[in-house]
Amino acid sequence: PHTHFAAISRDEKRVFCCDLGLDTIFVYDRNLNEISQAKVPAGYGVRHLAISQNGRTVYAINELVPSVTVFAFDGDTLERKATVLLPCEAKKPTGAAIRLSADEKTLYASVRAENALYALDISGARGGAEGAPEVVQKINCGGDSPRDFNLFDNLLLCCNEKSDNVVAFALEEGGKIGARLGEICLLAPLCVI
């Protein structure tokens, strides 16, 4: 009843559907017959997904408790592996968007009210718990309410809905978000592809 996002699996055999109110990702076949379900922690409100190139790892951003949950996917079933909180100081922050770097070593997330972009190491090279992303950077998004963002080669473009701007950041080697390169004014930008 609270569908927020849907995506097709990499092999195009399954459909993932995030139900924010039920804290559940439903997995369907292409005819929308339910195959399985997976939960994020209760009250976290799963919002959007990013899927690895091989299709075996799914990353979810949770809206109500800003966090990232990692799942293993076997073609039919999602198995929850880890959930990592995104450090926030704002009152009532909400997770918004999630993206995976092309080299699949860095995961990015945005949080509204906190007005922040996060870079998380998922390479395992930093010695964190197995399967758990590690927050390595948090920066200001350059506006108010980073509803969506996307990656384009060595750029990150962030849509700040309430400040009516799209801000461009450089992406550095190693996955960190670098210098703010500029912005354009756009009324209530919601999505960038």
Protein backbone atom coordinates (compact mmCIF):
# COMPACT_ATOMS: atom_id res chain seq x y z
CA PRO A 1 0.00 0.00 0.00
CA HIS A 2 2.96 2.40 0.40
CA THR A 3 4.85 1.65 -2.81
CA HIS A 4 7.68 4.12 -3.19
CA PHE A 5 10.06 2.65 -5.76
CA ALA A 6 10.28 -0.26 -8.19
CA ALA A 7 13.26 -1.67 -10.10
CA ILE A 8 13.92 -4.61 -12.40
CA SER A 9 16.64 -7.09 -11.45
CA ARG A 10 19.79 -7.19 -13.59
CA ASP A 11 18.72 -10.46 -15.24
CA GLU A 12 15.31 -8.85 -15.94
CA LYS A 13 13.47 -11.78 -14.33
CA ARG A 14 12.38 -10.12 -11.08
CA VAL A 15 10.81 -6.82 -9.99
CA PHE A 16 11.77 -5.25 -6.66
CA CYS A 17 9.15 -3.04 -5.00
CA CYS A 18 9.92 -0.90 -1.93
CA ASP A 19 7.00 -0.47 0.46
CA LEU A 20 8.04 2.37 2.74
CA GLY A 21 5.22 1.91 5.26
CA LEU A 22 5.69 -1.85 5.65
CA ASP A 23 9.53 -1.68 5.81
CA THR A 24 9.50 -4.36 3.11
CA ILE A 25 11.00 -5.04 -0.29
CA PHE A 26 8.68 -7.30 -2.27
CA VAL A 27 10.19 -9.47 -5.01
CA TYR A 28 7.87 -10.30 -7.92
CA ASP A 29 8.22 -12.17 -11.19
CA ARG A 30 7.64 -10.21 -14.42
CA ASN A 31 3.90 -11.03 -14.21
CA LEU A 32 3.84 -9.46 -10.71
CA ASN A 33 3.34 -12.73 -8.85
CA GLU A 34 5.00 -12.40 -5.45
CA ILE A 35 8.15 -14.53 -5.09
CA SER A 36 9.49 -13.35 -1.72
CA GLN A 37 9.78 -10.49 0.78
CA ALA A 38 12.63 -8.95 2.76
CA LYS A 39 12.47 -6.52 5.67
CA VAL A 40 14.56 -3.57 6.72
CA PRO A 41 14.56 -2.84 10.47
CA ALA A 42 11.10 -1.94 11.80
CA GLY A 43 10.21 1.73 11.37
CA TYR A 44 13.12 2.48 9.00
CA GLY A 45 10.97 2.95 5.86
CA VAL A 46 12.77 1.48 2.83
CA ARG A 47 12.76 4.07 0.01
CA HIS A 48 15.08 3.41 -2.97
CA LEU A 49 17.51 0.72 -4.22
CA ALA A 50 20.84 0.44 -6.00
CA ILE A 51 21.77 -2.92 -7.56
CA SER A 52 25.28 -4.24 -8.22
CA GLN A 53 26.24 -5.05 -11.82
CA ASN A 54 26.22 -8.80 -11.16
CA GLY A 55 22.81 -8.43 -9.55
CA ARG A 56 23.77 -10.30 -6.37
CA THR A 57 23.93 -7.32 -4.00
CA VAL A 58 21.12 -4.83 -3.42
CA TYR A 59 21.58 -1.64 -1.40
CA ALA A 60 18.56 0.15 0.09
CA ILE A 61 18.31 3.64 1.51
CA ASN A 62 15.85 3.92 4.35
CA GLU A 63 13.89 7.16 4.65
CA LEU A 64 12.47 7.35 8.17
CA VAL A 65 15.71 6.35 9.91
CA PRO A 66 18.42 7.54 7.49
CA SER A 67 20.46 4.42 6.87
CA VAL A 68 21.65 1.93 4.26
CA THR A 69 20.69 -1.74 4.33
CA VAL A 70 22.64 -4.33 2.33
CA PHE A 71 21.01 -7.47 0.94
CA ALA A 72 22.37 -10.52 -0.86
CA PHE A 73 20.16 -11.64 -3.76
CA ASP A 74 20.11 -15.24 -5.07
CA GLY A 75 17.70 -14.65 -7.95
CA ASP A 76 14.56 -15.15 -5.87
CA THR A 77 15.24 -14.09 -2.29
CA LEU A 78 16.84 -11.07 -0.63
CA GLU A 79 18.79 -11.82 2.55
CA ARG A 80 19.54 -8.87 4.84
CA LYS A 81 23.24 -8.66 5.67
CA ALA A 82 23.80 -5.31 7.41
CA THR A 83 22.28 -1.92 8.17
CA VAL A 84 24.43 1.17 8.71
CA LEU A 85 23.08 4.42 10.16
CA LEU A 86 23.98 7.67 8.40
CA PRO A 87 25.18 10.17 11.05
CA CYS A 88 22.68 13.03 11.32
CA GLU A 89 22.24 15.99 13.64
CA ALA A 90 19.13 17.61 12.10
CA LYS A 91 15.65 17.26 13.52
CA LYS A 92 13.65 14.70 11.51
CA PRO A 93 16.17 13.91 8.74
CA THR A 94 14.93 11.69 5.92
CA GLY A 95 16.95 9.49 3.59
CA ALA A 96 16.30 10.24 -0.08
CA ALA A 97 18.51 8.79 -2.83
CA ILE A 98 21.17 6.11 -3.25
CA ARG A 99 23.65 5.45 -6.07
CA LEU A 100 26.50 3.02 -6.69
CA SER A 101 29.81 4.04 -8.28
CA ALA A 102 30.78 2.43 -11.60
CA ASP A 103 33.70 0.59 -9.94
CA GLU A 104 31.31 -0.59 -7.18
CA LYS A 105 33.68 0.49 -4.42
CA THR A 106 31.66 3.49 -3.23
CA LEU A 107 28.01 3.93 -2.38
CA TYR A 108 26.49 7.41 -2.20
CA ALA A 109 23.40 8.57 -0.30
CA SER A 110 21.52 11.81 0.35
CA VAL A 111 19.60 12.90 3.43
CA ARG A 112 17.05 15.72 3.51
CA ALA A 113 16.82 18.10 6.50
CA GLU A 114 20.46 17.16 7.18
CA ASN A 115 21.11 18.55 3.67
CA ALA A 116 24.00 16.15 3.25
CA LEU A 117 25.59 13.81 0.76
CA TYR A 118 27.43 10.73 2.05
CA ALA A 119 30.12 8.51 0.55
CA LEU A 120 30.31 4.97 1.94
CA ASP A 121 33.17 2.55 1.34
CA ILE A 122 31.84 -0.83 0.20
CA SER A 123 35.14 -2.23 -1.06
CA GLY A 124 35.88 -4.07 2.20
CA ALA A 125 39.37 -2.57 2.15
CA ARG A 126 38.83 -0.52 5.31
CA GLY A 127 38.38 -3.53 7.56
CA GLY A 128 34.72 -2.97 8.52
CA ALA A 129 32.33 -5.75 9.38
CA GLU A 130 31.76 -8.12 6.46
CA GLY A 131 29.16 -6.70 4.11
CA ALA A 132 28.72 -3.48 6.10
CA PRO A 133 29.36 -0.19 4.29
CA GLU A 134 31.44 2.36 6.17
CA VAL A 135 30.64 6.07 6.04
CA VAL A 136 33.85 7.80 4.95
CA GLN A 137 32.52 11.25 4.07
CA LYS A 138 29.63 13.58 4.75
CA ILE A 139 29.37 16.94 2.97
CA ASN A 140 26.82 19.71 2.58
CA CYS A 141 24.68 19.23 -0.54
CA GLY A 142 24.86 22.90 -1.52
CA GLY A 143 21.17 23.55 -0.99
CA ASP A 144 18.03 22.45 0.81
CA SER A 145 16.47 18.99 0.54
CA PRO A 146 18.67 16.78 -1.71
CA ARG A 147 15.79 14.77 -3.20
CA ASP A 148 17.88 13.04 -5.87
CA PHE A 149 21.37 12.97 -7.30
CA ASN A 150 23.23 10.98 -9.93
CA LEU A 151 26.74 10.15 -11.05
CA PHE A 152 28.13 11.07 -14.47
CA ASP A 153 31.75 9.94 -15.00
CA ASN A 154 33.65 12.23 -12.61
CA LEU A 155 30.65 14.38 -11.63
CA LEU A 156 27.88 14.17 -9.07
CA LEU A 157 24.79 16.29 -9.80
CA CYS A 158 22.49 16.92 -6.82
CA CYS A 159 18.86 18.11 -7.10
CA ASN A 160 17.99 20.26 -4.09
CA GLU A 161 14.21 20.46 -4.20
CA LYS A 162 13.49 23.23 -1.68
CA SER A 163 16.33 25.58 -2.70
CA ASP A 164 15.55 25.30 -6.42
CA ASN A 165 19.07 24.39 -7.49
CA VAL A 166 21.10 21.59 -9.04
CA VAL A 167 24.67 21.53 -7.75
CA ALA A 168 27.62 19.89 -9.53
CA PHE A 169 30.43 18.29 -7.50
CA ALA A 170 33.65 16.71 -8.72
CA LEU A 171 34.19 13.04 -7.88
CA GLU A 172 37.74 12.29 -6.79
CA GLU A 173 39.79 9.14 -7.21
CA GLY A 174 38.93 6.78 -4.39
CA GLY A 175 35.27 7.79 -4.48
CA LYS A 176 35.27 10.92 -2.34
CA ILE A 177 33.05 13.84 -3.24
CA GLY A 178 35.29 16.75 -4.21
CA ALA A 179 34.95 20.42 -4.97
CA ARG A 180 31.67 22.13 -5.72
CA LEU A 181 31.93 23.09 -9.40
CA GLY A 182 28.82 25.20 -9.86
CA GLU A 183 25.05 25.15 -9.91
CA ILE A 184 22.02 25.97 -12.00
CA CYS A 185 18.69 27.34 -10.78
CA LEU A 186 15.74 25.06 -11.50
CA LEU A 187 12.34 25.16 -9.83
CA ALA A 188 11.93 22.26 -7.37
CA PRO A 189 14.22 19.73 -9.12
CA LEU A 190 13.24 16.15 -8.20
CA CYS A 191 15.29 13.77 -10.35
CA VAL A 192 18.38 13.71 -12.57
CA ILE A 193 19.24 10.99 -15.13
